[in-house]
Amino acid sequence: MEKVITLGKTHIVYLKEGGEVCNRLGRGARVCPIKRNGEWVKITWRNGKKKGWVHSLLESGNIEEDGRRS
């Protein structure tokens, strides 16, 4: 099982690192980080159906650890 993270604040999701905005995820959205590249983190949500990149996701205060499955 991948680690599930609950967002502590709203994040903008990009198709590529620093590319076009494709979505916004609100506070409380549950995501799974896949890959990290510098300050960018590739995530999935909605059981892996949706994918994208967020900036500075893993800073303290931005996440709330969650042990439940998505």
C-alpha atoms as a PDB file:
ATOM      1  CA  MET A   1       0.000   0.000   0.000  1.00  0.00           C
ATOM      2  CA  GLU A   2       1.216   3.473  -0.831  1.00  0.00           C
ATOM      3  CA  LYS A   3       1.393   6.121   1.863  1.00  0.00           C
ATOM      4  CA  VAL A   4      -1.786   8.210   1.983  1.00  0.00           C
ATOM      5  CA  ILE A   5      -1.462  11.903   2.843  1.00  0.00           C
ATOM      6  CA  THR A   6      -4.310  14.251   3.739  1.00  0.00           C
ATOM      7  CA  LEU A   7      -3.673  17.799   2.539  1.00  0.00           C
ATOM      8  CA  GLY A   8      -3.587  20.445   5.255  1.00  0.00           C
ATOM      9  CA  LYS A   9      -4.195  23.305   2.812  1.00  0.00           C
ATOM     10  CA  THR A  10      -5.290  23.872  -0.788  1.00  0.00           C
ATOM     11  CA  HIS A  11      -2.778  22.981  -3.528  1.00  0.00           C
ATOM     12  CA  ILE A  12      -2.653  23.712  -7.247  1.00  0.00           C
ATOM     13  CA  VAL A  13      -1.916  20.647  -9.408  1.00  0.00           C
ATOM     14  CA  TYR A  14       0.181  20.958 -12.594  1.00  0.00           C
ATOM     15  CA  LEU A  15       0.466  18.599 -15.571  1.00  0.00           C
ATOM     16  CA  LYS A  16       4.260  18.967 -15.513  1.00  0.00           C
ATOM     17  CA  GLU A  17       6.654  20.531 -13.047  1.00  0.00           C
ATOM     18  CA  GLY A  18       5.974  24.255 -13.434  1.00  0.00           C
ATOM     19  CA  GLY A  19       3.745  23.586 -16.438  1.00  0.00           C
ATOM     20  CA  GLU A  20       0.050  24.100 -17.117  1.00  0.00           C
ATOM     21  CA  VAL A  21      -2.413  24.096 -14.212  1.00  0.00           C
ATOM     22  CA  CYS A  22      -4.743  21.108 -14.471  1.00  0.00           C
ATOM     23  CA  ASN A  23      -6.586  21.044 -11.140  1.00  0.00           C
ATOM     24  CA  ARG A  24      -6.878  22.345  -7.592  1.00  0.00           C
ATOM     25  CA  LEU A  25      -7.113  20.093  -4.555  1.00  0.00           C
ATOM     26  CA  GLY A  26      -8.748  21.476  -1.449  1.00  0.00           C
ATOM     27  CA  ARG A  27      -7.889  20.979   2.172  1.00  0.00           C
ATOM     28  CA  GLY A  28      -8.637  17.446   3.314  1.00  0.00           C
ATOM     29  CA  ALA A  29      -8.051  15.840  -0.105  1.00  0.00           C
ATOM     30  CA  ARG A  30      -6.324  12.469   0.191  1.00  0.00           C
ATOM     31  CA  VAL A  31      -3.353  11.911  -2.135  1.00  0.00           C
ATOM     32  CA  CYS A  32      -0.534   9.393  -2.627  1.00  0.00           C
ATOM     33  CA  PRO A  33       2.955  10.754  -3.391  1.00  0.00           C
ATOM     34  CA  ILE A  34       4.699   8.785  -6.147  1.00  0.00           C
ATOM     35  CA  LYS A  35       7.921  10.595  -6.978  1.00  0.00           C
ATOM     36  CA  ARG A  36       9.913  13.583  -5.749  1.00  0.00           C
ATOM     37  CA  ASN A  37      12.035  15.921  -7.882  1.00  0.00           C
ATOM     38  CA  GLY A  38      13.520  18.783  -5.866  1.00  0.00           C
ATOM     39  CA  GLU A  39      10.630  20.841  -4.467  1.00  0.00           C
ATOM     40  CA  TRP A  40       8.095  19.124  -6.753  1.00  0.00           C
ATOM     41  CA  VAL A  41       6.153  15.981  -5.823  1.00  0.00           C
ATOM     42  CA  LYS A  42       4.213  13.809  -8.265  1.00  0.00           C
ATOM     43  CA  ILE A  43       0.930  12.668  -6.736  1.00  0.00           C
ATOM     44  CA  THR A  44      -2.140  10.595  -7.541  1.00  0.00           C
ATOM     45  CA  TRP A  45      -5.643  10.955  -6.182  1.00  0.00           C
ATOM     46  CA  ARG A  46      -9.023   9.322  -6.779  1.00  0.00           C
ATOM     47  CA  ASN A  47      -7.496   5.827  -6.449  1.00  0.00           C
ATOM     48  CA  GLY A  48      -4.759   6.543  -9.007  1.00  0.00           C
ATOM     49  CA  LYS A  49      -7.112   7.769 -11.741  1.00  0.00           C
ATOM     50  CA  LYS A  50      -5.787  11.338 -11.571  1.00  0.00           C
ATOM     51  CA  LYS A  51      -2.108  12.337 -11.589  1.00  0.00           C
ATOM     52  CA  GLY A  52      -0.159  15.577 -11.407  1.00  0.00           C
ATOM     53  CA  TRP A  53       2.632  17.581  -9.809  1.00  0.00           C
ATOM     54  CA  VAL A  54       2.414  19.870  -6.768  1.00  0.00           C
ATOM     55  CA  HIS A  55       5.002  22.295  -5.443  1.00  0.00           C
ATOM     56  CA  SER A  56       6.317  21.993  -1.859  1.00  0.00           C
ATOM     57  CA  LEU A  57       3.795  19.357  -0.751  1.00  0.00           C
ATOM     58  CA  LEU A  58       5.910  17.735   1.941  1.00  0.00           C
ATOM     59  CA  GLU A  59       6.711  20.858   3.976  1.00  0.00           C
ATOM     60  CA  SER A  60       5.526  20.835   7.572  1.00  0.00           C
ATOM     61  CA  GLY A  61       2.032  22.263   7.982  1.00  0.00           C
ATOM     62  CA  ASN A  62       0.961  21.292   4.483  1.00  0.00           C
ATOM     63  CA  ILE A  63       0.007  17.700   5.294  1.00  0.00           C
ATOM     64  CA  GLU A  64      -1.780  15.674   7.897  1.00  0.00           C
ATOM     65  CA  GLU A  65      -0.647  12.037   8.126  1.00  0.00           C
ATOM     66  CA  ASP A  66      -3.460   9.565   7.559  1.00  0.00           C
ATOM     67  CA  GLY A  67      -3.270   5.823   8.034  1.00  0.00           C
ATOM     68  CA  ARG A  68      -6.552   4.996   6.296  1.00  0.00           C
ATOM     69  CA  ARG A  69      -6.768   3.585   2.784  1.00  0.00           C
ATOM     70  CA  SER A  70      -8.169   5.712  -0.028  1.00  0.00           C
END
